[in-house]
Amino acid sequence: MGVISSNRHKLVEAKQYYTRALNVYKELDNQRGIANCLLNIGVILQKQGDMPLAFEHALQAMSLYKEMNDHNRISQCVNNIGVILDKLGSYDKAISYYTAALKIIGDMGVNNEVARIYNNLSKAYAGLENYKEALYYHEKYKSYSDSVLSLAKSQQIAELQTKYETQKKEQLIELQQAKLERQKLLGNTLLGLTISILLVAGLIIYAYVQKRLDNEKITQQNVEIARQNEMLGMQKNILEELNQTKDKLFSVIGHDLRGPIANMRSIFDMVLEDEFTDRKELFDVMKVLRDKTCDTHNLLENLLYWSRSQQGRITPNQGVVDLTELVEESLDLIKADAKVKGIDLEINMGEAVLSYCDADMINLVLRNLLSNAIKFTPSGGRILLKIEQSDKHIKVSVRDTGIGVPKENLPKLFDKSTYFTTYGTNKEKGSGLGLNLCREFVEANNGSIAVDSQLGKGSEFYFTLPLAGSRKLADRQLSDV
């Protein structure tokens, strides 16, 4: 009734019928019926000039059609949204929706919906005074409308042909029935033999099907066994990795932490027992205590990040970051250590270098690289931190005049299976976690890390990060269509 009233341009009456039908479909939980009513009510509201409410009904209908994967109806909803925007004077947005509707409808063959979209595109471009495009789509509309009409005529001819063929077949059937009556006597005679043959054939087929089912069952069991074996293998690998993590954790706690803490306890005992004869001696001991405390703090921080990374609990929180600010923060933390060893710090960077990365992760990378440079550079040495910017990425390098790394040990520095470490110039001891964390964090931020070193001449650790401008962020109005 709603369709009839709508065709007679009785919009108020049609809307009432569709609304009643919508309530019935909701009680029956008939999603397709609900979607159809919402679509038709939206069209009526559009014709009545209530564009906001019409837009809302079109969106609700489109959401239901998406759940049903009905591309033809989705295309109609998107086309209707385009008509609403067209009537509101938003011709550019309307064209975007019409184009999206064409893309959704795809290769569904010739139908009236495509012709309507072409006609709407022609009107929208005319609204933009782009008469060239308007004429182009108007011609496509006419051509497509002719194709639809031609298809309808072809279907009508095919229906007539089918009807003729059906009548012809019915006549042939009548003739065949008469012939069959004459052959009925002979058929009765052969019936017994035929039944016997069918029984034998049935038994053969049953045996074949049963054997095939058994083979399929065996195949499925073999596949399931293979899958379970694969899962067991994966679980074994996971357990081995967990055991390695546990062993490394206990090793660090048992050796790398116990030693510094024991030394600090001894120093505290000496202070409490007043074993120092003068203030200078006490001052020297307190400097040693400070160094031990800083080393232990760095070790604990690396250990925390490392354990979390092994459990897959760290994900980058990326954003636009000024690397010069991160460098200044890291320098504030290690300047005192460099001053104690008499190491000259040099910085070469611009005023603002913007990267798209996780600030906390890169801060830890900078602190580890600078701390290592101080650890392996003797007194009177020099450390140069440099930031270079190219069209594609940012390169951050930390170069020192320290003891360098033997060539055979270079591949071990970033190998997570070895956690290579050695003593610094003042017998500082590390855990081997820092450089592995640097590699993981740099790679997690779409960068890379490497090292160049010569024994006795120093080392240069450098990593790259993407420029902030290299990541294109844009809202797409049709991303959900």
Protein backbone atom coordinates (compact mmCIF):
# COMPACT_ATOMS: atom_id res chain seq x y z
CA MET A 1 0.00 0.00 0.00
CA GLY A 2 2.92 2.33 0.74
CA VAL A 3 4.33 1.75 -2.76
CA ILE A 4 0.94 2.40 -4.41
CA SER A 5 0.39 5.61 -2.43
CA SER A 6 3.94 6.77 -3.18
CA ASN A 7 3.44 6.15 -6.92
CA ARG A 8 0.25 8.24 -6.73
CA HIS A 9 2.30 11.03 -5.03
CA LYS A 10 0.29 10.69 -1.82
CA LEU A 11 3.39 11.10 0.36
CA VAL A 12 1.70 11.53 3.76
CA GLU A 13 -0.46 8.45 3.23
CA ALA A 14 2.54 6.44 1.91
CA LYS A 15 4.64 7.43 4.94
CA GLN A 16 1.87 6.23 7.28
CA TYR A 17 1.72 2.82 5.55
CA TYR A 18 5.52 2.42 5.65
CA THR A 19 5.62 3.42 9.34
CA ARG A 20 2.98 0.78 10.21
CA ALA A 21 4.91 -1.82 8.25
CA LEU A 22 8.14 -0.81 10.02
CA ASN A 23 6.57 -1.43 13.45
CA VAL A 24 5.31 -4.86 12.34
CA TYR A 25 8.75 -5.84 10.97
CA LYS A 26 10.40 -4.72 14.22
CA GLU A 27 8.05 -6.98 16.22
CA LEU A 28 8.93 -9.86 13.87
CA ASP A 29 12.65 -8.94 13.98
CA ASN A 30 12.66 -8.98 10.16
CA GLN A 31 15.87 -7.05 9.41
CA ARG A 32 15.34 -6.85 5.65
CA GLY A 33 11.78 -5.58 6.08
CA ILE A 34 13.02 -2.96 8.58
CA ALA A 35 15.75 -1.84 6.20
CA ASN A 36 13.34 -1.59 3.24
CA CYS A 37 10.86 0.52 5.24
CA LEU A 38 13.64 2.83 6.49
CA LEU A 39 14.88 3.28 2.92
CA ASN A 40 11.38 4.12 1.56
CA ILE A 41 10.55 6.48 4.48
CA GLY A 42 13.87 8.26 3.85
CA VAL A 43 12.90 8.80 0.18
CA ILE A 44 9.53 10.25 1.20
CA LEU A 45 11.16 12.54 3.80
CA GLN A 46 13.57 13.68 1.10
CA LYS A 47 10.68 14.54 -1.21
CA GLN A 48 8.97 16.40 1.67
CA GLY A 49 12.13 18.47 2.24
CA ASP A 50 13.07 17.06 5.68
CA MET A 51 16.71 16.43 4.72
CA PRO A 52 18.24 15.77 8.21
CA LEU A 53 15.64 13.10 9.04
CA ALA A 54 15.91 11.65 5.52
CA PHE A 55 19.73 11.45 5.94
CA GLU A 56 19.29 9.63 9.28
CA HIS A 57 16.89 7.04 7.77
CA ALA A 58 19.26 6.43 4.85
CA LEU A 59 22.19 5.80 7.22
CA GLN A 60 20.13 3.37 9.36
CA ALA A 61 18.99 1.45 6.28
CA MET A 62 22.56 1.31 4.90
CA SER A 63 23.85 -0.09 8.21
CA LEU A 64 21.31 -2.96 8.08
CA TYR A 65 22.05 -3.69 4.40
CA LYS A 66 25.76 -3.89 5.19
CA GLU A 67 25.03 -6.62 7.74
CA MET A 68 23.15 -8.47 4.97
CA ASN A 69 25.94 -7.75 2.44
CA ASP A 70 23.31 -6.43 -0.01
CA HIS A 71 25.47 -4.31 -2.33
CA ASN A 72 22.57 -3.26 -4.57
CA ARG A 73 20.61 -1.82 -1.62
CA ILE A 74 23.75 -0.25 -0.12
CA SER A 75 24.28 1.49 -3.45
CA GLN A 76 20.70 2.82 -3.33
CA CYS A 77 21.27 4.21 0.19
CA VAL A 78 24.53 5.90 -0.82
CA ASN A 79 22.80 7.30 -3.95
CA ASN A 80 19.95 8.66 -1.78
CA ILE A 81 22.47 10.36 0.54
CA GLY A 82 24.00 11.94 -2.56
CA VAL A 83 20.56 13.24 -3.61
CA ILE A 84 20.06 14.75 -0.14
CA LEU A 85 23.45 16.50 -0.31
CA ASP A 86 22.63 17.60 -3.87
CA LYS A 87 19.41 19.24 -2.72
CA LEU A 88 21.29 20.94 0.12
CA GLY A 89 23.67 22.45 -2.45
CA SER A 90 26.70 20.30 -1.42
CA TYR A 91 27.40 19.24 -5.00
CA ASP A 92 31.00 18.11 -4.41
CA LYS A 93 29.98 15.81 -1.55
CA ALA A 94 27.00 14.58 -3.56
CA ILE A 95 29.32 13.67 -6.46
CA SER A 96 31.54 11.73 -4.02
CA TYR A 97 28.56 9.68 -2.84
CA TYR A 98 27.30 9.08 -6.40
CA THR A 99 30.77 7.86 -7.40
CA ALA A 100 30.89 5.61 -4.33
CA ALA A 101 27.47 4.21 -5.24
CA LEU A 102 28.74 3.32 -8.73
CA LYS A 103 31.79 1.62 -7.20
CA ILE A 104 29.65 -0.42 -4.79
CA ILE A 105 27.18 -1.58 -7.43
CA GLY A 106 30.16 -2.83 -9.46
CA ASP A 107 29.54 -5.46 -12.10
CA MET A 108 25.92 -6.26 -11.33
CA GLY A 109 24.91 -5.91 -14.95
CA VAL A 110 22.54 -3.44 -16.55
CA ASN A 111 19.89 -2.05 -14.17
CA ASN A 112 17.89 1.10 -13.52
CA GLU A 113 19.95 2.06 -10.44
CA VAL A 114 23.07 2.74 -12.53
CA ALA A 115 21.02 4.90 -14.94
CA ARG A 116 19.65 6.92 -12.00
CA ILE A 117 23.17 7.47 -10.62
CA TYR A 118 24.41 8.73 -14.01
CA ASN A 119 21.44 11.13 -14.16
CA ASN A 120 22.17 12.38 -10.62
CA LEU A 121 25.86 12.91 -11.49
CA SER A 122 24.81 14.97 -14.52
CA LYS A 123 22.58 17.19 -12.34
CA ALA A 124 25.28 17.61 -9.65
CA TYR A 125 27.93 18.68 -12.17
CA ALA A 126 25.41 21.08 -13.70
CA GLY A 127 24.93 22.54 -10.22
CA LEU A 128 28.71 23.13 -10.11
CA GLU A 129 28.43 24.71 -13.61
CA ASN A 130 30.77 22.02 -14.89
CA TYR A 131 28.72 21.52 -18.01
CA LYS A 132 31.29 19.37 -19.74
CA GLU A 133 31.01 16.67 -17.07
CA ALA A 134 27.27 17.24 -16.82
CA LEU A 135 26.89 16.56 -20.58
CA TYR A 136 29.18 13.54 -20.33
CA TYR A 137 27.09 11.88 -17.61
CA HIS A 138 23.83 12.90 -19.28
CA GLU A 139 24.93 11.05 -22.41
CA LYS A 140 25.92 8.05 -20.29
CA TYR A 141 22.50 8.24 -18.63
CA LYS A 142 20.73 8.21 -22.01
CA SER A 143 22.93 5.41 -23.32
CA TYR A 144 22.44 3.34 -20.18
CA SER A 145 18.67 3.97 -20.17
CA ASP A 146 18.53 2.70 -23.76
CA SER A 147 20.49 -0.37 -22.66
CA VAL A 148 18.03 -0.98 -19.81
CA LEU A 149 15.08 -0.64 -22.22
CA SER A 150 16.79 -2.94 -24.71
CA LEU A 151 17.42 -5.47 -21.96
CA ALA A 152 13.76 -5.31 -20.92
CA LYS A 153 12.64 -5.94 -24.49
CA SER A 154 15.11 -8.80 -24.80
CA GLN A 155 13.75 -10.32 -21.61
CA GLN A 156 10.18 -9.97 -22.92
CA ILE A 157 11.14 -11.68 -26.18
CA ALA A 158 12.91 -14.41 -24.21
CA GLU A 159 9.78 -14.93 -22.10
CA LEU A 160 7.63 -15.31 -25.24
CA GLN A 161 10.19 -17.70 -26.71
CA THR A 162 10.16 -19.72 -23.49
CA LYS A 163 6.37 -19.84 -23.55
CA TYR A 164 6.40 -21.07 -27.14
CA GLU A 165 8.99 -23.71 -26.35
CA THR A 166 6.98 -24.82 -23.33
CA GLN A 167 3.84 -25.30 -25.38
CA LYS A 168 5.83 -27.21 -27.97
CA LYS A 169 7.30 -29.44 -25.29
CA GLU A 170 3.83 -30.10 -23.84
CA GLN A 171 2.65 -31.33 -27.24
CA LEU A 172 5.67 -33.60 -27.53
CA ILE A 173 4.95 -34.91 -24.04
CA GLU A 174 1.42 -35.84 -25.05
CA LEU A 175 2.77 -37.77 -28.03
CA GLN A 176 5.33 -39.48 -25.84
CA GLN A 177 2.65 -40.46 -23.32
CA ALA A 178 0.72 -42.21 -26.03
CA LYS A 179 3.85 -44.02 -27.09
CA LEU A 180 4.59 -44.96 -23.49
CA GLU A 181 1.18 -46.51 -23.10
CA ARG A 182 1.98 -48.80 -25.99
CA GLN A 183 5.29 -49.72 -24.41
CA LYS A 184 3.82 -50.27 -20.97
CA LEU A 185 3.38 -54.00 -21.46
CA LEU A 186 7.02 -54.42 -22.45
CA GLY A 187 8.10 -52.24 -19.52
CA ASN A 188 6.32 -54.46 -17.01
CA THR A 189 8.21 -57.44 -18.30
CA LEU A 190 11.56 -55.71 -17.90
CA LEU A 191 10.70 -54.20 -14.52
CA GLY A 192 11.85 -57.14 -12.48
CA LEU A 193 15.22 -57.25 -14.24
CA THR A 194 15.66 -53.50 -13.83
CA ILE A 195 14.92 -53.65 -10.11
CA SER A 196 17.51 -56.38 -9.67
CA ILE A 197 20.12 -54.34 -11.52
CA LEU A 198 19.32 -51.25 -9.42
CA LEU A 199 19.66 -53.19 -6.20
CA VAL A 200 23.08 -54.46 -7.21
CA ALA A 201 24.14 -51.00 -8.34
CA GLY A 202 22.86 -49.52 -5.07
CA LEU A 203 24.94 -51.93 -3.05
CA ILE A 204 28.03 -51.10 -5.10
CA ILE A 205 27.44 -47.36 -4.70
CA TYR A 206 26.85 -47.72 -0.97
CA ALA A 207 30.09 -49.62 -0.54
CA TYR A 208 31.97 -46.99 -2.59
CA VAL A 209 30.47 -44.08 -0.63
CA GLN A 210 31.16 -45.77 2.70
CA LYS A 211 34.78 -46.37 1.74
CA ARG A 212 35.15 -42.78 0.61
CA LEU A 213 33.69 -41.51 3.89
CA ASP A 214 36.09 -43.69 5.84
CA ASN A 215 39.02 -42.34 3.82
CA GLU A 216 37.88 -38.76 4.38
CA LYS A 217 37.57 -39.42 8.09
CA ILE A 218 41.10 -40.83 8.20
CA THR A 219 42.37 -37.82 6.23
CA GLN A 220 40.68 -35.42 8.64
CA GLN A 221 42.18 -37.26 11.58
CA ASN A 222 45.63 -37.02 9.99
CA VAL A 223 45.13 -33.29 9.39
CA GLU A 224 44.03 -32.82 13.00
CA ILE A 225 47.04 -34.75 14.26
CA ALA A 226 49.36 -32.64 12.09
CA ARG A 227 47.70 -29.46 13.39
CA GLN A 228 48.07 -30.57 16.99
CA ASN A 229 51.72 -31.46 16.38
CA GLU A 230 52.26 -28.01 14.90
CA MET A 231 50.60 -26.38 17.93
CA LEU A 232 52.73 -28.49 20.26
CA GLY A 233 55.82 -27.34 18.36
CA MET A 234 54.77 -23.70 18.67
CA GLN A 235 54.06 -24.15 22.39
CA LYS A 236 57.46 -25.78 22.80
CA ASN A 237 59.16 -22.80 21.12
CA ILE A 238 57.20 -20.38 23.31
CA LEU A 239 58.19 -22.31 26.45
CA GLU A 240 61.83 -22.32 25.38
CA GLU A 241 61.71 -18.55 24.83
CA LEU A 242 60.07 -18.10 28.24
CA ASN A 243 62.74 -20.25 29.84
CA GLN A 244 65.45 -18.17 28.16
CA THR A 245 63.77 -15.00 29.43
CA LYS A 246 63.52 -16.46 32.92
CA ASP A 247 67.17 -17.58 32.90
CA LYS A 248 68.32 -14.16 31.68
CA LEU A 249 66.18 -12.42 34.30
CA PHE A 250 67.54 -14.56 37.14
CA SER A 251 71.07 -14.14 35.81
CA VAL A 252 70.76 -10.34 35.89
CA ILE A 253 69.14 -10.37 39.32
CA GLY A 254 71.62 -12.93 40.68
CA HIS A 255 74.83 -11.35 39.37
CA ASP A 256 74.46 -7.88 37.83
CA LEU A 257 72.22 -6.53 40.61
CA ARG A 258 73.58 -8.43 43.61
CA GLY A 259 77.13 -7.12 43.12
CA PRO A 260 76.32 -3.36 43.00
CA ILE A 261 73.82 -3.64 45.86
CA ALA A 262 76.33 -5.53 48.00
CA ASN A 263 78.97 -2.85 47.28
CA MET A 264 76.53 -0.10 48.25
CA ARG A 265 75.72 -1.94 51.48
CA SER A 266 79.41 -2.19 52.31
CA ILE A 267 79.86 1.54 51.70
CA PHE A 268 76.86 2.34 53.91
CA ASP A 269 78.29 0.11 56.66
CA MET A 270 81.61 1.93 56.45
CA VAL A 271 79.85 5.32 56.66
CA LEU A 272 77.75 4.21 59.63
CA GLU A 273 80.81 2.80 61.43
CA ASP A 274 82.64 6.11 60.80
CA GLU A 275 85.67 4.46 59.17
CA PHE A 276 86.65 7.55 57.15
CA THR A 277 89.34 9.77 58.55
CA ASP A 278 88.72 12.89 56.50
CA ARG A 279 86.03 14.56 54.43
CA LYS A 280 87.85 14.05 51.07
CA GLU A 281 87.97 10.30 51.56
CA LEU A 282 84.25 10.30 52.41
CA PHE A 283 83.54 12.48 49.36
CA ASP A 284 85.39 10.05 47.06
CA VAL A 285 83.45 7.13 48.49
CA MET A 286 80.15 8.96 48.04
CA LYS A 287 81.03 9.60 44.37
CA VAL A 288 81.61 5.87 43.96
CA LEU A 289 78.27 5.24 45.69
CA ARG A 290 76.56 7.68 43.33
CA ASP A 291 78.05 5.92 40.29
CA LYS A 292 76.92 2.54 41.60
CA THR A 293 73.43 3.92 42.23
CA CYS A 294 73.17 5.39 38.69
CA ASP A 295 74.41 2.15 37.15
CA THR A 296 71.92 0.13 39.19
CA HIS A 297 69.08 2.53 38.27
CA ASN A 298 69.88 2.26 34.55
CA LEU A 299 70.15 -1.51 34.86
CA LEU A 300 66.76 -1.76 36.60
CA GLU A 301 65.13 0.49 34.00
CA ASN A 302 66.55 -1.55 31.11
CA LEU A 303 65.56 -4.75 32.89
CA LEU A 304 61.96 -3.52 33.29
CA TYR A 305 61.62 -2.50 29.63
CA TRP A 306 63.33 -5.69 28.47
CA SER A 307 61.05 -7.99 30.49
CA ARG A 308 57.97 -6.16 29.20
CA SER A 309 59.20 -6.38 25.61
CA GLN A 310 59.81 -10.13 25.97
CA GLN A 311 56.18 -10.55 27.01
CA GLY A 312 54.94 -8.45 24.08
CA ARG A 313 53.40 -5.84 26.39
CA ILE A 314 55.05 -2.78 24.83
CA THR A 315 53.39 -1.08 21.88
CA PRO A 316 54.59 2.25 20.44
CA ASN A 317 52.56 5.34 21.36
CA GLN A 318 53.67 7.35 18.36
CA GLY A 319 53.26 11.05 17.69
CA VAL A 320 55.13 14.08 16.40
CA VAL A 321 58.25 14.48 18.57
CA ASP A 322 61.00 17.14 18.59
CA LEU A 323 64.18 15.05 18.84
CA THR A 324 66.20 18.04 20.03
CA GLU A 325 64.12 18.13 23.21
CA LEU A 326 64.70 14.40 23.80
CA VAL A 327 68.45 14.91 23.31
CA GLU A 328 68.50 17.75 25.85
CA GLU A 329 66.60 15.59 28.38
CA SER A 330 69.07 12.72 27.93
CA LEU A 331 72.08 15.05 28.18
CA ASP A 332 70.78 16.45 31.47
CA LEU A 333 70.83 12.91 32.90
CA ILE A 334 74.36 11.96 31.80
CA LYS A 335 76.26 15.27 31.96
CA ALA A 336 77.37 14.58 35.50
CA ASP A 337 78.79 11.15 34.54
CA ALA A 338 80.70 12.69 31.64
CA LYS A 339 82.05 15.45 33.87
CA VAL A 340 83.30 12.93 36.46
CA LYS A 341 85.31 11.10 33.76
CA GLY A 342 86.45 14.36 32.16
CA ILE A 343 84.76 13.59 28.84
CA ASP A 344 83.93 16.44 26.44
CA LEU A 345 80.34 16.35 25.09
CA GLU A 346 79.68 17.95 21.70
CA ILE A 347 76.22 18.42 20.15
CA ASN A 348 75.50 19.09 16.47
CA MET A 349 71.78 19.50 15.71
CA GLY A 350 69.27 22.04 14.42
CA GLU A 351 66.76 24.06 16.40
CA ALA A 352 63.85 21.64 15.86
CA VAL A 353 63.94 18.21 14.23
CA LEU A 354 60.48 16.59 14.09
CA SER A 355 59.99 12.82 13.88
CA TYR A 356 56.98 10.52 14.08
CA CYS A 357 57.87 8.13 16.92
CA ASP A 358 57.31 7.08 20.55
CA ALA A 359 59.07 9.68 22.72
CA ASP A 360 59.64 7.34 25.72
CA MET A 361 61.15 4.60 23.56
CA ILE A 362 63.53 6.94 21.72
CA ASN A 363 64.46 8.64 25.03
CA LEU A 364 65.60 5.27 26.37
CA VAL A 365 67.56 4.61 23.15
CA LEU A 366 69.39 7.94 23.48
CA ARG A 367 70.18 7.37 27.18
CA ASN A 368 71.56 3.88 26.51
CA LEU A 369 73.75 4.99 23.60
CA LEU A 370 75.10 8.01 25.53
CA SER A 371 75.66 5.96 28.71
CA ASN A 372 77.54 3.31 26.72
CA ALA A 373 79.67 6.00 25.05
CA ILE A 374 80.65 7.38 28.46
CA LYS A 375 81.25 3.89 29.84
CA PHE A 376 83.68 2.90 27.06
CA THR A 377 85.43 6.29 26.61
CA PRO A 378 88.49 6.96 28.81
CA SER A 379 89.05 10.18 30.73
CA GLY A 380 89.83 13.13 28.48
CA GLY A 381 87.92 11.60 25.57
CA ARG A 382 85.24 13.16 23.40
CA ILE A 383 81.64 12.23 22.51
CA LEU A 384 79.80 13.79 19.54
CA LEU A 385 76.00 13.54 19.24
CA LYS A 386 74.80 14.57 15.79
CA ILE A 387 71.35 14.79 14.15
CA GLU A 388 71.12 14.89 10.34
CA GLN A 389 67.92 15.33 8.34
CA SER A 390 67.27 14.16 4.78
CA ASP A 391 64.19 14.11 2.55
CA LYS A 392 63.11 10.70 3.81
CA HIS A 393 64.38 10.23 7.36
CA ILE A 394 66.35 11.53 10.35
CA LYS A 395 69.75 10.08 11.31
CA VAL A 396 70.91 10.30 14.94
CA SER A 397 74.53 9.28 15.64
CA VAL A 398 76.62 9.00 18.84
CA ARG A 399 80.37 8.91 18.10
CA ASP A 400 83.06 8.46 20.78
CA THR A 401 86.83 8.24 21.01
CA GLY A 402 86.63 5.21 23.26
CA ILE A 403 88.20 1.76 23.19
CA GLY A 404 86.15 0.52 20.21
CA VAL A 405 84.73 -2.96 19.56
CA PRO A 406 86.64 -5.89 18.06
CA LYS A 407 85.42 -6.76 14.57
CA GLU A 408 84.39 -10.28 15.59
CA ASN A 409 82.14 -8.89 18.35
CA LEU A 410 80.20 -6.40 16.19
CA PRO A 411 77.53 -8.93 15.06
CA LYS A 412 76.88 -9.83 18.70
CA LEU A 413 75.91 -6.30 19.82
CA PHE A 414 72.31 -6.46 18.56
CA ASP A 415 71.86 -10.26 18.74
CA LYS A 416 69.04 -10.95 21.18
CA SER A 417 70.21 -14.54 21.68
CA THR A 418 73.61 -13.54 23.11
CA TYR A 419 73.14 -10.30 25.14
CA PHE A 420 76.81 -9.48 24.62
CA THR A 421 78.47 -7.26 27.22
CA THR A 422 81.94 -6.28 28.44
CA TYR A 423 83.58 -4.02 31.01
CA GLY A 424 83.97 -0.25 30.58
CA THR A 425 87.14 1.80 30.97
CA ASN A 426 86.54 2.04 34.74
CA LYS A 427 85.46 -1.61 35.02
CA GLU A 428 81.78 -0.65 34.66
CA LYS A 429 79.72 -3.77 34.07
CA GLY A 430 76.61 -4.01 31.92
CA SER A 431 73.83 -6.57 31.41
CA GLY A 432 73.77 -6.67 27.62
CA LEU A 433 70.11 -5.62 27.62
CA GLY A 434 70.54 -2.00 26.55
CA LEU A 435 71.55 -2.43 22.90
CA ASN A 436 68.92 -5.12 22.36
CA LEU A 437 66.29 -2.73 23.70
CA CYS A 438 67.65 -0.03 21.39
CA ARG A 439 67.25 -2.33 18.39
CA GLU A 440 63.72 -3.40 19.35
CA PHE A 441 62.53 0.16 20.08
CA VAL A 442 64.05 1.70 16.93
CA GLU A 443 62.58 -1.03 14.71
CA ALA A 444 59.20 -0.65 16.48
CA ASN A 445 59.26 2.98 15.32
CA ASN A 446 59.95 2.07 11.66
CA GLY A 447 63.67 2.81 11.91
CA SER A 448 66.98 0.95 11.80
CA ILE A 449 70.12 0.91 13.96
CA ALA A 450 73.74 0.05 13.16
CA VAL A 451 77.31 0.53 14.40
CA ASP A 452 80.74 1.33 12.94
CA SER A 453 83.75 0.72 15.17
CA GLN A 454 87.55 0.37 15.09
CA LEU A 455 89.41 -1.16 17.96
CA GLY A 456 91.35 1.52 19.83
CA LYS A 457 89.85 4.41 17.83
CA GLY A 458 86.25 4.56 18.97
CA SER A 459 82.73 3.69 17.85
CA GLU A 460 79.77 5.32 16.14
CA PHE A 461 76.26 4.06 16.89
CA TYR A 462 73.57 5.54 14.66
CA PHE A 463 69.88 5.01 14.04
CA THR A 464 67.26 6.39 11.68
CA LEU A 465 63.66 7.48 12.25
CA PRO A 466 60.91 8.63 9.87
CA LEU A 467 60.27 12.34 9.41
CA ALA A 468 57.04 13.63 10.92
CA GLY A 469 55.96 14.91 7.48
CA SER A 470 56.44 11.50 5.83
CA ARG A 471 53.32 10.09 7.50
CA LYS A 472 50.20 11.21 5.68
CA LEU A 473 47.12 11.43 7.91
CA ALA A 474 43.83 12.29 6.21
CA ASP A 475 40.15 11.78 7.01
CA ARG A 476 38.27 10.01 4.22
CA GLN A 477 34.59 10.92 4.15
CA LEU A 478 33.73 7.70 2.31
CA SER A 479 36.00 5.38 4.30
CA ASP A 480 33.00 3.62 5.84
CA VAL A 481 31.03 3.31 2.58
